[in-house]
Amino acid sequence: MQAMIFDRAGSPLRLVEVPDPEPAEGQVLLEVSACAICRTDLHVLDGDLPRPILPLIPGHEIVGRVLASGPRAGRWRAGDRLGVGWLGWACGTCAYCRSERENLCERARFTGYQLPGGYAQRTVADERFCFGIPDRYGDREAAPLLCAGLIGYRSLRMAGDAACLGLYGFGAAAHIVAQVAKHEGRRVFALTRPGDRERQDFARSLGVDWAGGSDEPTPEALDAAILFAPVGSLVPAALGAVRRGGTVVCAGIHMSDIPAFPYELLWGERVLRSVANLTRRDGEEFLALASKVPLRMEVTPYPLASASKALEAVRSGVLRGAAVLSLAEAVPEIG
């Protein structure tokens, strides 16, 4: 099969022929049809996340169909369309796992980081950490649900019942969670890079109540803010934008350093918290919701061989929505 291989930080991905993987005990073998590109992939490739298992096939927003099951794997059948996300394995026995917080398991392994990912024609995955995909979405549209959607959903839950919500950074995750928040009846303010009128117009097209630069004051104080942009300097800005008792949620797995800020910004029972991965319950709840709510996923497809171009498009912030590697359907080469 063909796969994109990552050898070490700073080195380009290589398109190579490798043997087909074989499902081990409890695993399924998937024919990959689509794999979305996530900013976390850049953190892996740039060396921001330490000790990946090398050589590595990146990618953790995978949609594929079951080709075969390994020993003691019986949850899914051949032909089932499944999604695979970032959390690929947990021990199942520690205190975190026993309390349905397997996202905090200290022995957890992650897809496209310590486990083979979806930048390939086939992959294997633990059947316990696979999800059925709602029929209403095609493969390309469903792929961003597996991380951008899932992490966005967990971040939204961490924001509590905030009636007025600010989203800092309007990329793949925010363009999904904004629609969920509007479905729930919340007011949503999108904050983009200063001067990014195109992305602000995109946010408005998805129904947000206001869109502007992260350097602009919001029309009213926020009940909560979610930071999707991995920019530490936005933390004090968001704390200053939320009202007393409000919450600021840092949704990324990696962020630049947070600058010093006066205690006054945190005082007033404001809460600053992070989101770590997701639980299987998050995935099941969100995909059940996505099967009922008509979400509009904006995707730009790339062929597998153009994975590096897709990654650079995500890095530059020029895309509306998500970049997706499409393996089931031919797409034109990106110039």
Protein backbone atom coordinates (compact mmCIF):
# COMPACT_ATOMS: atom_id res chain seq x y z
CA MET A 1 0.00 0.00 0.00
CA GLN A 2 1.01 3.65 -0.31
CA ALA A 3 1.67 5.71 2.79
CA MET A 4 3.22 9.01 3.80
CA ILE A 5 6.11 8.38 6.21
CA PHE A 6 7.53 10.81 8.77
CA ASP A 7 11.13 10.07 9.81
CA ARG A 8 12.18 12.92 12.10
CA ALA A 9 11.37 16.52 12.98
CA GLY A 10 12.27 18.88 10.17
CA SER A 11 12.35 16.20 7.48
CA PRO A 12 9.76 16.11 4.66
CA LEU A 13 7.14 13.39 4.45
CA ARG A 14 7.96 10.54 2.05
CA LEU A 15 5.41 8.75 -0.17
CA VAL A 16 6.45 5.09 -0.11
CA GLU A 17 5.16 1.57 -0.66
CA VAL A 18 4.88 -0.37 2.60
CA PRO A 19 3.35 -3.77 3.44
CA ASP A 20 -0.34 -3.83 4.35
CA PRO A 21 -0.83 -3.84 8.13
CA GLU A 22 -2.41 -6.86 9.78
CA PRO A 23 -4.96 -6.45 12.59
CA ALA A 24 -3.74 -7.68 15.97
CA GLU A 25 -5.96 -8.86 18.81
CA GLY A 26 -8.87 -6.48 19.30
CA GLN A 27 -8.08 -4.49 16.16
CA VAL A 28 -9.80 -3.85 12.84
CA LEU A 29 -8.16 -3.33 9.47
CA LEU A 30 -9.56 -0.30 7.64
CA GLU A 31 -9.48 0.77 4.02
CA VAL A 32 -8.92 4.51 4.47
CA SER A 33 -11.20 6.71 2.38
CA ALA A 34 -10.40 10.11 3.93
CA CYS A 35 -8.15 11.60 6.59
CA ALA A 36 -8.45 15.23 7.65
CA ILE A 37 -5.39 17.33 8.46
CA CYS A 38 -5.16 18.63 12.02
CA ARG A 39 -2.92 21.30 13.52
CA THR A 40 -1.79 18.60 15.97
CA ASP A 41 -0.18 16.86 12.97
CA LEU A 42 2.00 19.95 12.59
CA HIS A 43 2.93 19.83 16.27
CA VAL A 44 4.05 16.21 15.77
CA LEU A 45 6.02 16.96 12.60
CA ASP A 46 7.59 20.11 14.04
CA GLY A 47 8.79 18.29 17.16
CA ASP A 48 6.54 20.22 19.56
CA LEU A 49 5.21 16.90 20.87
CA PRO A 50 8.09 14.73 22.12
CA ARG A 51 8.93 11.10 21.44
CA PRO A 52 6.72 10.06 18.52
CA ILE A 53 7.12 6.44 17.45
CA LEU A 54 9.31 6.68 14.32
CA PRO A 55 9.10 6.03 11.45
CA LEU A 56 5.50 7.20 11.65
CA ILE A 57 2.40 7.35 9.47
CA PRO A 58 0.68 10.57 10.67
CA GLY A 59 -3.03 11.40 10.69
CA HIS A 60 -5.79 10.93 13.24
CA GLU A 61 -9.06 12.08 11.63
CA ILE A 62 -9.69 8.88 9.73
CA VAL A 63 -12.75 7.60 7.90
CA GLY A 64 -12.54 4.07 6.50
CA ARG A 65 -14.32 0.80 5.98
CA VAL A 66 -13.64 -2.46 7.78
CA LEU A 67 -11.75 -4.99 5.66
CA ALA A 68 -11.00 -7.53 8.39
CA SER A 69 -10.94 -8.02 12.15
CA GLY A 70 -8.20 -9.45 14.32
CA PRO A 71 -8.59 -12.12 17.02
CA ARG A 72 -11.18 -11.32 19.71
CA ALA A 73 -12.47 -8.36 17.70
CA GLY A 74 -16.19 -8.66 17.06
CA ARG A 75 -17.71 -5.25 17.58
CA TRP A 76 -17.71 -4.28 13.88
CA ARG A 77 -18.43 -6.11 10.64
CA ALA A 78 -16.73 -6.07 7.25
CA GLY A 79 -17.92 -3.04 5.29
CA ASP A 80 -18.84 -0.93 8.34
CA ARG A 81 -17.82 2.72 7.91
CA LEU A 82 -15.87 3.84 10.96
CA GLY A 83 -14.05 6.87 12.27
CA VAL A 84 -10.77 6.86 14.19
CA GLY A 85 -9.65 9.84 16.27
CA TRP A 86 -6.64 10.98 18.29
CA LEU A 87 -7.11 8.74 21.35
CA GLY A 88 -6.28 5.31 19.98
CA TRP A 89 -5.73 3.18 23.08
CA ALA A 90 -6.01 3.37 26.88
CA CYS A 91 -5.16 0.82 29.53
CA GLY A 92 -8.71 0.35 30.82
CA THR A 93 -7.54 -0.38 34.38
CA CYS A 94 -6.19 2.84 35.91
CA ALA A 95 -8.27 5.20 38.05
CA TYR A 96 -8.82 7.52 35.10
CA CYS A 97 -10.05 4.75 32.82
CA ARG A 98 -12.30 3.28 35.51
CA SER A 99 -13.96 6.68 35.98
CA GLU A 100 -14.60 7.21 32.23
CA ARG A 101 -11.72 9.66 31.98
CA GLU A 102 -9.53 7.54 29.72
CA ASN A 103 -8.42 10.75 28.00
CA LEU A 104 -6.19 11.29 31.07
CA CYS A 105 -4.76 7.73 31.14
CA GLU A 106 -1.01 8.00 31.67
CA ARG A 107 -0.40 4.99 29.42
CA ALA A 108 -2.67 6.20 26.60
CA ARG A 109 -1.45 6.02 23.02
CA PHE A 110 -2.46 8.33 20.23
CA THR A 111 -3.22 7.78 16.57
CA GLY A 112 -0.70 9.25 14.15
CA TYR A 113 1.76 9.84 17.02
CA GLN A 114 2.40 6.57 18.83
CA LEU A 115 0.13 4.43 16.64
CA PRO A 116 -0.12 4.21 12.82
CA GLY A 117 -2.30 6.94 11.37
CA GLY A 118 -4.41 7.66 8.33
CA TYR A 119 -1.99 9.15 5.81
CA ALA A 120 -2.12 5.75 4.12
CA GLN A 121 -4.38 3.54 2.05
CA ARG A 122 -4.96 1.19 4.99
CA THR A 123 -4.54 1.30 8.74
CA VAL A 124 -5.36 -0.70 11.86
CA ALA A 125 -7.16 0.57 14.95
CA ASP A 126 -8.37 -0.70 18.32
CA GLU A 127 -12.04 -1.51 17.77
CA ARG A 128 -12.93 -0.01 21.17
CA PHE A 129 -11.83 3.43 20.00
CA CYS A 130 -13.62 3.43 16.65
CA PHE A 131 -16.92 5.22 16.03
CA GLY A 132 -19.75 4.66 13.61
CA ILE A 133 -20.12 7.56 11.16
CA PRO A 134 -23.51 9.28 10.64
CA ASP A 135 -24.98 8.39 7.25
CA ARG A 136 -25.80 11.99 6.40
CA TYR A 137 -22.13 12.89 5.79
CA GLY A 138 -19.83 11.80 2.99
CA ASP A 139 -16.34 10.52 3.76
CA ARG A 140 -14.59 13.84 3.15
CA GLU A 141 -17.15 15.80 5.18
CA ALA A 142 -17.09 13.30 8.03
CA ALA A 143 -13.31 13.26 8.49
CA PRO A 144 -13.05 16.62 10.34
CA LEU A 145 -15.66 15.40 12.82
CA LEU A 146 -13.07 12.95 14.22
CA CYS A 147 -10.93 15.61 15.90
CA ALA A 148 -11.97 19.14 14.98
CA GLY A 149 -15.54 18.18 15.83
CA LEU A 150 -14.79 15.96 18.82
CA ILE A 151 -12.35 18.31 20.52
CA GLY A 152 -14.64 21.23 19.72
CA TYR A 153 -17.54 19.39 21.33
CA ARG A 154 -15.58 18.58 24.50
CA SER A 155 -14.39 22.18 24.67
CA LEU A 156 -17.98 23.39 24.36
CA ARG A 157 -19.04 21.12 27.21
CA MET A 158 -16.16 22.48 29.32
CA ALA A 159 -17.49 25.98 28.64
CA GLY A 160 -20.65 25.05 30.53
CA ASP A 161 -24.00 26.67 29.76
CA ALA A 162 -22.45 29.93 28.53
CA ALA A 163 -25.09 31.90 26.67
CA CYS A 164 -22.52 34.19 25.06
CA LEU A 165 -19.50 32.33 23.67
CA GLY A 166 -16.29 33.63 22.09
CA LEU A 167 -14.25 31.48 19.68
CA TYR A 168 -10.63 32.56 19.23
CA GLY A 169 -9.33 31.23 15.92
CA PHE A 170 -11.81 30.22 13.25
CA GLY A 171 -10.42 27.13 11.57
CA ALA A 172 -11.57 23.52 11.27
CA ALA A 173 -12.72 23.09 14.89
CA ALA A 174 -14.37 26.48 15.36
CA HIS A 175 -16.35 26.27 12.13
CA ILE A 176 -17.99 23.09 13.45
CA VAL A 177 -18.46 24.07 17.10
CA ALA A 178 -19.96 27.42 16.09
CA GLN A 179 -22.77 25.58 14.33
CA VAL A 180 -23.36 23.31 17.32
CA ALA A 181 -23.42 26.30 19.67
CA LYS A 182 -25.92 28.15 17.46
CA HIS A 183 -28.08 25.00 17.34
CA GLU A 184 -28.11 25.10 21.15
CA GLY A 185 -29.34 28.70 21.08
CA ARG A 186 -26.13 30.42 22.16
CA ARG A 187 -24.78 33.74 20.93
CA VAL A 188 -21.43 33.18 19.21
CA PHE A 189 -18.67 35.71 18.59
CA ALA A 190 -15.80 34.71 16.26
CA LEU A 191 -12.40 36.29 16.85
CA THR A 192 -9.85 35.86 14.07
CA ARG A 193 -6.40 37.16 13.25
CA PRO A 194 -6.61 40.95 13.10
CA GLY A 195 -7.70 42.08 9.65
CA ASP A 196 -8.71 38.61 8.38
CA ARG A 197 -11.91 39.80 6.71
CA GLU A 198 -12.28 36.65 4.60
CA ARG A 199 -12.39 34.37 7.64
CA GLN A 200 -14.72 36.76 9.44
CA ASP A 201 -17.08 36.65 6.44
CA PHE A 202 -16.85 32.84 6.54
CA ALA A 203 -17.84 32.87 10.22
CA ARG A 204 -20.81 35.11 9.48
CA SER A 205 -21.91 32.76 6.69
CA LEU A 206 -22.21 30.02 9.34
CA GLY A 207 -24.52 32.15 11.47
CA VAL A 208 -22.28 33.66 14.15
CA ASP A 209 -23.65 36.79 15.79
CA TRP A 210 -20.48 38.85 15.41
CA ALA A 211 -17.03 38.41 13.86
CA GLY A 212 -13.96 40.58 14.29
CA GLY A 213 -10.26 40.57 15.06
CA SER A 214 -8.83 39.20 18.29
CA ASP A 215 -7.58 42.75 18.95
CA GLU A 216 -11.13 44.14 18.94
CA PRO A 217 -13.51 44.34 21.91
CA THR A 218 -16.49 42.02 21.68
CA PRO A 219 -19.96 43.64 21.60
CA GLU A 220 -20.62 42.36 25.12
CA ALA A 221 -18.78 40.51 27.84
CA LEU A 222 -18.45 36.76 27.22
CA ASP A 223 -19.74 34.03 29.50
CA ALA A 224 -17.01 31.74 28.15
CA ALA A 225 -14.28 31.68 25.52
CA ILE A 226 -12.65 28.78 23.70
CA LEU A 227 -9.13 29.22 22.35
CA PHE A 228 -8.51 27.12 19.24
CA ALA A 229 -5.57 29.26 18.11
CA PRO A 230 -2.40 27.92 19.83
CA VAL A 231 -1.28 31.43 20.77
CA GLY A 232 -0.47 31.95 24.45
CA SER A 233 -0.91 35.72 24.28
CA LEU A 234 -4.62 35.19 23.64
CA VAL A 235 -5.11 33.76 27.15
CA PRO A 236 -4.91 37.14 28.95
CA ALA A 237 -6.99 38.69 26.17
CA ALA A 238 -9.71 36.08 26.61
CA LEU A 239 -9.66 36.41 30.40
CA GLY A 240 -10.17 40.12 29.94
CA ALA A 241 -13.12 39.48 27.63
CA VAL A 242 -15.08 37.09 29.91
CA ARG A 243 -17.30 38.39 32.67
CA ARG A 244 -16.88 37.45 36.34
CA GLY A 245 -17.47 33.75 36.86
CA GLY A 246 -16.65 33.10 33.20
CA THR A 247 -14.51 30.31 31.78
CA VAL A 248 -11.62 30.32 29.30
CA VAL A 249 -10.98 26.93 27.67
CA CYS A 250 -7.65 26.21 25.96
CA ALA A 251 -8.54 23.57 23.38
CA GLY A 252 -5.17 22.77 21.83
CA ILE A 253 -2.66 20.09 22.78
CA HIS A 254 0.17 22.60 22.40
CA MET A 255 0.35 26.36 22.84
CA SER A 256 3.04 29.01 22.79
CA ASP A 257 4.04 30.36 26.19
CA ILE A 258 1.42 32.32 28.09
CA PRO A 259 2.78 35.75 29.04
CA ALA A 260 2.57 37.06 32.60
CA PHE A 261 -0.68 38.83 33.37
CA PRO A 262 -2.12 40.61 36.41
CA TYR A 263 -4.11 38.55 38.87
CA GLU A 264 -6.99 40.96 38.35
CA LEU A 265 -7.73 39.21 35.03
CA LEU A 266 -8.28 35.88 36.80
CA TRP A 267 -9.93 37.28 39.90
CA GLY A 268 -13.70 37.31 40.14
CA GLU A 269 -13.93 33.51 40.05
CA ARG A 270 -12.93 33.28 36.42
CA VAL A 271 -11.77 29.81 35.42
CA LEU A 272 -8.86 28.93 33.11
CA ARG A 273 -8.74 25.29 32.01
CA SER A 274 -7.36 23.02 29.32
CA VAL A 275 -8.90 20.21 27.31
CA ALA A 276 -6.97 16.95 27.06
CA ASN A 277 -7.99 14.77 24.13
CA LEU A 278 -11.47 13.26 24.42
CA THR A 279 -13.33 10.32 25.90
CA ARG A 280 -15.28 7.71 23.98
CA ARG A 281 -18.41 9.06 25.59
CA ASP A 282 -17.64 12.47 24.04
CA GLY A 283 -17.34 10.80 20.65
CA GLU A 284 -20.57 8.88 20.95
CA GLU A 285 -22.51 11.93 22.17
CA PHE A 286 -21.15 14.24 19.51
CA LEU A 287 -21.66 11.89 16.58
CA ALA A 288 -25.21 11.18 17.76
CA LEU A 289 -25.77 14.95 17.80
CA ALA A 290 -24.14 15.32 14.37
CA SER A 291 -26.55 12.74 12.97
CA LYS A 292 -29.44 15.06 13.89
CA VAL A 293 -27.97 18.53 13.37
CA PRO A 294 -27.17 19.37 9.75
CA LEU A 295 -23.58 20.53 10.09
CA ARG A 296 -21.92 22.17 7.11
CA MET A 297 -18.31 21.02 6.82
CA GLU A 298 -16.18 23.17 4.56
CA VAL A 299 -13.39 20.94 3.20
CA THR A 300 -10.58 21.27 0.67
CA PRO A 301 -9.58 17.83 -0.68
CA TYR A 302 -6.00 16.83 -1.46
CA PRO A 303 -4.58 13.59 -2.89
CA LEU A 304 -2.41 11.52 -0.56
CA ALA A 305 0.76 12.55 -2.41
CA SER A 306 -0.04 16.22 -1.63
CA ALA A 307 -0.13 15.75 2.15
CA SER A 308 2.78 18.16 2.65
CA LYS A 309 0.96 20.86 0.66
CA ALA A 310 -2.15 20.29 2.73
CA LEU A 311 -0.14 20.64 5.94
CA GLU A 312 1.39 23.91 4.78
CA ALA A 313 -2.05 25.23 3.87
CA VAL A 314 -3.19 24.48 7.43
CA ARG A 315 -0.05 26.09 8.83
CA SER A 316 -0.53 29.28 6.83
CA GLY A 317 -4.18 29.63 7.84
CA VAL A 318 -5.34 30.24 4.27
CA LEU A 319 -8.00 27.52 4.25
CA ARG A 320 -11.65 27.93 5.08
CA GLY A 321 -12.61 24.94 7.21
CA ALA A 322 -10.52 21.78 6.94
CA ALA A 323 -8.00 20.16 4.61
CA VAL A 324 -8.76 16.49 3.88
CA LEU A 325 -6.69 13.80 2.22
CA SER A 326 -9.09 11.96 -0.07
CA LEU A 327 -8.12 8.38 -0.90
CA ALA A 328 -11.41 6.92 -2.10
CA GLU A 329 -12.04 9.53 -4.80
CA ALA A 330 -9.57 11.12 -7.18
CA VAL A 331 -8.94 14.82 -6.64
CA PRO A 332 -6.88 17.14 -8.83
CA GLU A 333 -3.28 17.75 -7.89
CA ILE A 334 -2.98 20.95 -5.88
CA GLY A 335 -0.68 23.47 -7.54
